[in-house]
Amino acid sequence: MTAYLSEHIGSRDNNFNLIRFVAALLVLISHSFALYYGTADAEPLRDTLGLTLGTLAVDIFFITSGLLVCASLESRKGLSTFALARTLRIYPALIVALVIIVGLVGPLFSTLTITDYFTDFQTAKYFARNSVLFLGVEHQLPGVFTNAPYSGAVNGSLWTLPYEVRMYALLCIVTIFAGWAITKWNASGCALKRVFLFITLLSLAALLINRLGGVPMPGEKLIRLTFMFASGATAFHYRDSIHLSGKYALLAFLALAISTIDLSSFTLFYTVSVTYLTLFLAYIPAGIIRRFNSVGDYSYGLYIYAFTVQQVVIVSLPDISLTVYTMYSGAITLLLAAASWHFVEKPMLRFKSVGGRFRSRLLPQTSS
């Protein structure tokens, strides 16, 4: 089956919920090895392919985010309503998770007394910094999980959220610049997509030089995540030219499979094909798997709760096997993710439209 990307964007009949759900589970599985054995070197695929299941999952998150967030910005026709929508999607569920982690998990698993725990500056710093995200994240609470195999880390998954927020800021800056360029130079509407294409190619070149050329670069994570986000954004802007073909996807999968015999070859093929394959899987496979959309989007809840739950389980049941540990952690996290979606995230989605209606009442209507 073949189709242009533009034929699918805008439809809710897709596989994004399923893809992100699987990606969040991959993060949990990947972290299970590190948290169980106490070292990130234990994560599968790290030595053989130069990435982990968690790395793959984060790449998928940023690719899909680049595409969908650009679509959201275009449909909202305004940076203020876009910013409100992004804020409501990220922060309410995050704040609730932080309240649970700091207010409940922390005191229960800290070696400090309750008084010492809550009066320790690190407790306030953890909550404040992780609530804002712009200044990075804090990983430790005083005395919490110090007896875990992976000692001291409370919620290591949060490290990607500041990068996500920075990508939103990048999108807004590029959009403002493109609008300025169109006005100043009487340029065409192509300015925006050309800027994103340039960012994609520049970050791709830097990433490949870093990975294949052995040239160390500061901010490798930022370069990688910028490329993934920008490639999704570029795909959105060039949607009329991108052909989602089963033949092309199969060739890409085969090339990836063959390239696993050599680390450098796999790195190259993976980097240049992961965006196309992600978009193909998001839109083309159909049938019974589309019913997953009726379940809800549990991926964010899985992502923000999994690491802490895994630490709780391993500290509470230190003699548990790796398989049972992963299953217990997954089941508990899924319950929390479902609660987060149905009681926090989904209700917050209503305020996106409220914000848009409020803005339309404040601003004068103009005719085109």
Protein backbone atom coordinates (compact mmCIF):
# COMPACT_ATOMS: atom_id res chain seq x y z
CA MET A 1 0.00 0.00 0.00
CA THR A 2 1.28 3.45 -0.89
CA ALA A 3 0.19 7.00 -0.17
CA TYR A 4 1.60 10.45 0.27
CA LEU A 5 2.12 11.63 3.82
CA SER A 6 -0.19 14.58 3.17
CA GLU A 7 -3.10 12.19 2.61
CA HIS A 8 -2.90 11.00 6.23
CA ILE A 9 -1.89 14.04 8.28
CA GLY A 10 -4.91 15.53 9.97
CA SER A 11 -6.69 12.22 10.42
CA ARG A 12 -6.94 10.68 13.88
CA ASP A 13 -7.11 7.22 12.32
CA ASN A 14 -3.44 6.33 12.79
CA ASN A 15 -1.11 4.28 14.96
CA PHE A 16 0.58 7.03 16.97
CA ASN A 17 -0.96 5.99 20.29
CA LEU A 18 0.21 2.42 19.76
CA ILE A 19 3.70 3.42 18.61
CA ARG A 20 4.24 5.71 21.59
CA PHE A 21 2.84 3.10 23.97
CA VAL A 22 5.30 0.50 22.65
CA ALA A 23 8.11 3.07 22.80
CA ALA A 24 7.32 3.80 26.47
CA LEU A 25 7.38 0.06 27.22
CA LEU A 26 10.75 -0.20 25.48
CA VAL A 27 12.09 2.48 27.82
CA LEU A 28 10.82 0.50 30.80
CA ILE A 29 12.36 -2.74 29.51
CA SER A 30 15.64 -1.04 28.72
CA HIS A 31 15.84 0.53 32.16
CA SER A 32 14.99 -2.79 33.80
CA PHE A 33 18.45 -4.10 32.94
CA ALA A 34 20.24 -0.99 34.19
CA LEU A 35 18.24 -0.70 37.40
CA TYR A 36 18.34 -4.42 38.13
CA TYR A 37 22.09 -4.84 37.63
CA GLY A 38 23.07 -1.36 38.74
CA THR A 39 24.82 -0.22 35.55
CA ALA A 40 23.73 1.30 32.25
CA ASP A 41 26.18 -1.02 30.49
CA ALA A 42 23.72 -3.86 31.13
CA GLU A 43 21.14 -2.43 28.75
CA PRO A 44 20.63 -4.68 25.70
CA LEU A 45 21.98 -3.69 22.26
CA ARG A 46 24.34 -1.08 23.70
CA ASP A 47 27.48 -2.99 22.71
CA THR A 48 26.18 -4.71 19.57
CA LEU A 49 24.33 -1.85 17.85
CA GLY A 50 25.57 1.21 19.69
CA LEU A 51 22.12 2.10 20.99
CA THR A 52 19.62 0.77 23.50
CA LEU A 53 15.91 0.05 23.34
CA GLY A 54 15.50 3.24 25.34
CA THR A 55 17.47 5.25 22.80
CA LEU A 56 15.31 3.89 19.98
CA ALA A 57 12.18 4.78 21.94
CA VAL A 58 13.31 8.35 22.65
CA ASP A 59 14.19 8.84 18.97
CA ILE A 60 10.67 7.70 18.04
CA PHE A 61 9.16 10.08 20.62
CA PHE A 62 11.02 13.07 19.17
CA ILE A 63 10.28 12.17 15.54
CA THR A 64 6.56 11.86 16.20
CA SER A 65 6.66 14.99 18.33
CA GLY A 66 8.27 17.00 15.53
CA LEU A 67 5.57 15.96 13.09
CA LEU A 68 2.54 16.25 15.37
CA VAL A 69 3.60 19.45 17.12
CA CYS A 70 4.11 21.18 13.77
CA ALA A 71 0.65 20.02 12.74
CA SER A 72 -0.70 21.37 16.03
CA LEU A 73 0.95 24.76 15.52
CA GLU A 74 -0.37 25.08 11.98
CA SER A 75 -3.91 24.14 12.97
CA ARG A 76 -3.98 26.59 15.90
CA LYS A 77 -2.80 29.59 13.87
CA GLY A 78 -1.20 31.25 16.86
CA LEU A 79 1.77 30.81 19.17
CA SER A 80 -0.20 31.62 22.32
CA THR A 81 -2.78 28.86 21.84
CA PHE A 82 0.00 26.51 20.76
CA ALA A 83 1.99 27.28 23.93
CA LEU A 84 -1.11 26.69 26.05
CA ALA A 85 -1.74 23.35 24.37
CA ARG A 86 1.85 22.19 24.93
CA THR A 87 1.80 23.37 28.54
CA LEU A 88 -1.41 21.51 29.28
CA ARG A 89 -0.05 18.36 27.67
CA ILE A 90 3.20 18.22 29.63
CA TYR A 91 2.95 20.00 32.96
CA PRO A 92 -0.27 18.93 34.76
CA ALA A 93 0.53 15.20 34.63
CA LEU A 94 4.16 15.92 35.46
CA ILE A 95 3.23 18.02 38.51
CA VAL A 96 0.90 15.30 39.80
CA ALA A 97 3.66 12.71 39.35
CA LEU A 98 6.13 14.92 41.20
CA VAL A 99 3.69 15.42 44.08
CA ILE A 100 3.30 11.65 44.40
CA ILE A 101 7.03 11.00 44.13
CA VAL A 102 8.16 13.79 46.45
CA GLY A 103 5.26 13.60 48.90
CA LEU A 104 4.74 9.85 49.13
CA VAL A 105 7.53 7.79 47.60
CA GLY A 106 10.29 10.00 48.96
CA PRO A 107 9.38 9.82 52.66
CA LEU A 108 8.68 6.08 52.46
CA PHE A 109 12.03 5.18 50.89
CA SER A 110 14.33 7.83 52.33
CA THR A 111 16.89 6.94 54.98
CA LEU A 112 16.18 10.34 56.58
CA THR A 113 13.44 11.08 59.07
CA ILE A 114 10.32 12.69 57.67
CA THR A 115 11.23 16.01 59.22
CA ASP A 116 14.79 15.94 57.88
CA TYR A 117 13.55 14.82 54.47
CA PHE A 118 11.03 17.63 54.01
CA THR A 119 13.29 20.31 55.44
CA ASP A 120 16.24 19.30 53.26
CA PHE A 121 16.85 21.89 50.52
CA GLN A 122 17.35 19.09 47.99
CA THR A 123 13.70 18.07 48.34
CA ALA A 124 12.47 21.53 47.38
CA LYS A 125 15.10 21.76 44.64
CA TYR A 126 14.01 18.42 43.14
CA PHE A 127 10.36 19.47 42.98
CA ALA A 128 10.99 23.01 41.76
CA ARG A 129 13.53 22.22 39.08
CA ASN A 130 11.61 19.25 37.68
CA SER A 131 8.42 21.31 37.66
CA VAL A 132 10.00 24.01 35.50
CA LEU A 133 12.21 21.87 33.18
CA PHE A 134 13.87 24.85 31.46
CA LEU A 135 16.96 24.54 33.67
CA GLY A 136 17.28 20.78 33.30
CA VAL A 137 16.19 18.15 35.80
CA GLU A 138 17.20 16.99 39.26
CA HIS A 139 17.66 13.25 39.74
CA GLN A 140 18.08 12.79 43.48
CA LEU A 141 15.97 13.19 46.60
CA PRO A 142 17.71 13.14 49.99
CA GLY A 143 18.31 9.58 51.16
CA VAL A 144 15.95 8.05 48.59
CA PHE A 145 16.91 4.76 46.87
CA THR A 146 20.44 4.92 48.23
CA ASN A 147 20.29 1.15 48.79
CA ALA A 148 19.11 0.38 45.25
CA PRO A 149 21.50 -1.33 42.77
CA TYR A 150 21.32 1.87 40.68
CA SER A 151 21.82 4.06 43.69
CA GLY A 152 20.24 7.44 44.23
CA ALA A 153 18.41 7.98 40.95
CA VAL A 154 14.72 8.73 41.53
CA ASN A 155 13.39 9.27 38.01
CA GLY A 156 16.06 9.11 35.35
CA SER A 157 13.56 9.24 32.49
CA LEU A 158 12.81 12.91 33.03
CA TRP A 159 16.08 13.98 31.36
CA THR A 160 14.38 14.13 27.94
CA LEU A 161 11.64 16.56 28.97
CA PRO A 162 13.83 19.70 29.02
CA TYR A 163 14.94 18.80 25.49
CA GLU A 164 11.31 18.41 24.47
CA VAL A 165 10.48 21.85 25.82
CA ARG A 166 13.51 23.30 24.02
CA MET A 167 12.27 21.79 20.77
CA TYR A 168 8.97 23.61 21.25
CA ALA A 169 10.91 26.83 21.78
CA LEU A 170 12.95 26.10 18.62
CA LEU A 171 9.75 25.60 16.66
CA CYS A 172 8.36 28.92 17.88
CA ILE A 173 11.61 30.77 17.09
CA VAL A 174 11.79 29.29 13.58
CA THR A 175 8.15 30.16 12.98
CA ILE A 176 8.68 33.76 14.11
CA PHE A 177 11.83 34.04 11.97
CA ALA A 178 10.05 32.64 8.91
CA GLY A 179 7.21 35.11 9.35
CA TRP A 180 9.69 37.97 9.67
CA ALA A 181 11.55 36.82 6.56
CA ILE A 182 8.34 36.58 4.55
CA THR A 183 7.36 40.13 5.59
CA LYS A 184 10.79 41.74 5.17
CA TRP A 185 11.84 40.15 1.89
CA ASN A 186 8.41 39.41 0.42
CA ALA A 187 9.47 35.78 0.45
CA SER A 188 7.18 32.82 -0.12
CA GLY A 189 5.71 30.55 2.54
CA CYS A 190 8.52 28.10 1.78
CA ALA A 191 10.78 29.91 4.25
CA LEU A 192 9.61 27.85 7.22
CA LYS A 193 10.13 24.45 5.67
CA ARG A 194 13.50 25.44 4.23
CA VAL A 195 14.72 26.47 7.65
CA PHE A 196 13.67 23.13 9.10
CA LEU A 197 15.30 21.29 6.20
CA PHE A 198 18.51 23.18 6.88
CA ILE A 199 18.36 22.34 10.61
CA THR A 200 17.73 18.69 9.78
CA LEU A 201 20.65 18.42 7.37
CA LEU A 202 22.99 20.36 9.66
CA SER A 203 22.17 18.25 12.72
CA LEU A 204 22.36 15.06 10.62
CA ALA A 205 25.84 15.98 9.41
CA ALA A 206 26.97 16.79 12.94
CA LEU A 207 25.49 13.55 14.27
CA LEU A 208 27.17 11.38 11.63
CA ILE A 209 30.50 13.14 12.07
CA ASN A 210 30.23 12.50 15.79
CA ARG A 211 29.17 8.86 15.47
CA LEU A 212 31.07 7.71 12.40
CA GLY A 213 33.96 10.13 12.24
CA GLY A 214 34.89 9.73 15.87
CA VAL A 215 34.94 13.50 16.30
CA PRO A 216 33.77 14.26 19.84
CA MET A 217 31.23 17.05 20.03
CA PRO A 218 29.74 18.74 23.07
CA GLY A 219 26.01 18.28 23.39
CA GLU A 220 25.71 14.99 21.49
CA LYS A 221 22.29 14.36 23.02
CA LEU A 222 21.08 17.78 21.94
CA ILE A 223 22.34 17.18 18.40
CA ARG A 224 20.65 13.76 18.18
CA LEU A 225 17.32 14.90 19.58
CA THR A 226 17.36 18.07 17.46
CA PHE A 227 17.83 15.92 14.37
CA MET A 228 15.00 13.58 15.33
CA PHE A 229 12.59 16.40 16.10
CA ALA A 230 13.62 18.46 13.07
CA SER A 231 13.30 15.45 10.75
CA GLY A 232 9.72 14.95 11.93
CA ALA A 233 9.02 18.67 11.48
CA THR A 234 10.59 18.63 8.01
CA ALA A 235 8.51 15.61 7.05
CA PHE A 236 5.39 17.57 8.00
CA HIS A 237 6.36 20.56 5.85
CA TYR A 238 7.33 18.36 2.89
CA ARG A 239 4.35 16.05 3.32
CA ASP A 240 3.21 16.50 -0.27
CA SER A 241 6.50 15.02 -1.50
CA ILE A 242 6.94 12.07 0.89
CA HIS A 243 5.65 8.79 -0.48
CA LEU A 244 4.81 6.20 2.18
CA SER A 245 5.45 2.99 0.29
CA GLY A 246 5.45 -0.56 1.59
CA LYS A 247 8.20 -1.34 -0.91
CA TYR A 248 10.44 1.45 0.37
CA ALA A 249 9.75 0.51 3.99
CA LEU A 250 10.60 -3.15 3.33
CA LEU A 251 13.84 -2.17 1.61
CA ALA A 252 14.73 0.05 4.56
CA PHE A 253 14.02 -2.75 7.05
CA LEU A 254 16.11 -5.20 5.03
CA ALA A 255 18.97 -2.73 4.78
CA LEU A 256 18.84 -2.20 8.54
CA ALA A 257 18.81 -5.93 9.20
CA ILE A 258 21.80 -6.56 6.93
CA SER A 259 23.70 -3.58 8.32
CA THR A 260 23.65 -5.05 11.84
CA ILE A 261 26.75 -7.06 10.92
CA ASP A 262 28.75 -3.83 11.09
CA LEU A 263 28.28 -1.15 13.74
CA SER A 264 29.19 1.81 11.51
CA SER A 265 26.90 0.64 8.71
CA PHE A 266 24.01 0.14 11.10
CA THR A 267 24.53 3.59 12.62
CA LEU A 268 24.37 5.16 9.16
CA PHE A 269 21.33 3.22 7.92
CA TYR A 270 19.48 3.64 11.20
CA THR A 271 20.04 7.40 11.36
CA VAL A 272 18.87 8.09 7.82
CA SER A 273 15.90 5.69 7.82
CA VAL A 274 14.38 5.82 11.31
CA THR A 275 12.16 8.82 10.52
CA TYR A 276 10.70 7.30 7.36
CA LEU A 277 10.07 3.95 9.02
CA THR A 278 8.43 5.60 12.02
CA LEU A 279 6.05 7.58 9.81
CA PHE A 280 5.27 4.53 7.69
CA LEU A 281 4.34 2.48 10.77
CA ALA A 282 2.32 5.39 12.13
CA TYR A 283 0.07 5.73 9.10
CA ILE A 284 0.05 2.70 6.80
CA PRO A 285 -0.55 -0.53 8.77
CA ALA A 286 -4.27 -0.64 9.51
CA GLY A 287 -6.94 -3.09 10.57
CA ILE A 288 -7.43 -4.38 14.10
CA ILE A 289 -4.43 -2.50 15.50
CA ARG A 290 -6.32 0.77 15.00
CA ARG A 291 -8.67 -0.26 17.80
CA PHE A 292 -5.89 0.63 20.22
CA ASN A 293 -6.87 4.28 19.76
CA SER A 294 -10.03 3.66 21.80
CA VAL A 295 -7.91 2.74 24.83
CA GLY A 296 -6.29 6.14 25.26
CA ASP A 297 -2.79 7.58 25.19
CA TYR A 298 -0.99 5.96 28.13
CA SER A 299 2.51 6.61 26.82
CA TYR A 300 3.27 9.79 28.78
CA GLY A 301 2.11 8.28 32.05
CA LEU A 302 4.19 5.18 31.40
CA TYR A 303 7.19 7.35 30.71
CA ILE A 304 7.03 9.62 33.76
CA TYR A 305 6.22 6.90 36.31
CA ALA A 306 8.15 3.82 35.14
CA PHE A 307 11.62 4.62 36.46
CA THR A 308 10.42 5.46 39.97
CA VAL A 309 8.17 2.39 40.08
CA GLN A 310 11.09 0.22 38.99
CA GLN A 311 13.23 1.61 41.80
CA VAL A 312 10.45 0.98 44.33
CA VAL A 313 10.04 -2.62 43.16
CA ILE A 314 13.74 -3.50 43.20
CA VAL A 315 14.23 -1.97 46.65
CA SER A 316 11.13 -3.70 48.03
CA LEU A 317 11.85 -7.08 46.40
CA PRO A 318 15.64 -7.30 46.05
CA ASP A 319 15.66 -11.06 45.38
CA ILE A 320 13.19 -10.91 42.50
CA SER A 321 14.18 -12.27 39.08
CA LEU A 322 14.73 -9.87 36.19
CA THR A 323 11.71 -11.18 34.25
CA VAL A 324 9.30 -10.95 37.19
CA TYR A 325 10.77 -7.58 38.13
CA THR A 326 10.04 -6.20 34.67
CA MET A 327 6.51 -7.65 34.69
CA TYR A 328 5.67 -6.27 38.15
CA SER A 329 7.08 -2.87 37.28
CA GLY A 330 5.18 -2.80 33.99
CA ALA A 331 1.86 -3.75 35.57
CA ILE A 332 2.10 -1.16 38.35
CA THR A 333 3.24 1.55 35.95
CA LEU A 334 0.41 0.76 33.54
CA LEU A 335 -2.15 1.27 36.31
CA LEU A 336 -0.61 4.64 37.18
CA ALA A 337 -0.46 5.61 33.49
CA ALA A 338 -4.13 4.74 33.01
CA ALA A 339 -5.07 6.83 36.05
CA SER A 340 -2.91 9.70 34.78
CA TRP A 341 -4.59 9.64 31.37
CA HIS A 342 -8.19 9.35 32.53
CA PHE A 343 -8.02 11.65 35.56
CA VAL A 344 -5.36 14.22 34.63
CA GLU A 345 -4.22 14.28 31.00
CA LYS A 346 -7.51 13.69 29.19
CA PRO A 347 -9.48 16.23 31.28
CA MET A 348 -6.75 18.80 30.58
CA LEU A 349 -7.27 18.41 26.84
CA ARG A 350 -10.61 20.21 27.20
CA PHE A 351 -8.83 23.41 28.20
CA LYS A 352 -7.00 23.53 24.86
CA SER A 353 -10.20 24.43 23.06
CA VAL A 354 -11.30 26.69 25.92
CA GLY A 355 -8.04 28.64 25.54
CA GLY A 356 -8.64 28.99 21.83
CA ARG A 357 -12.20 30.28 22.31
CA PHE A 358 -11.05 32.69 25.02
CA ARG A 359 -8.34 34.07 22.73
CA SER A 360 -10.78 34.49 19.84
CA ARG A 361 -13.05 36.59 22.07
CA LEU A 362 -10.20 38.85 23.10
CA LEU A 363 -8.78 39.46 19.64
CA PRO A 364 -10.62 41.38 16.91
CA GLN A 365 -11.77 39.35 13.94
CA THR A 366 -10.17 40.22 10.61
CA SER A 367 -11.21 39.26 7.12
CA SER A 368 -8.76 37.82 4.67
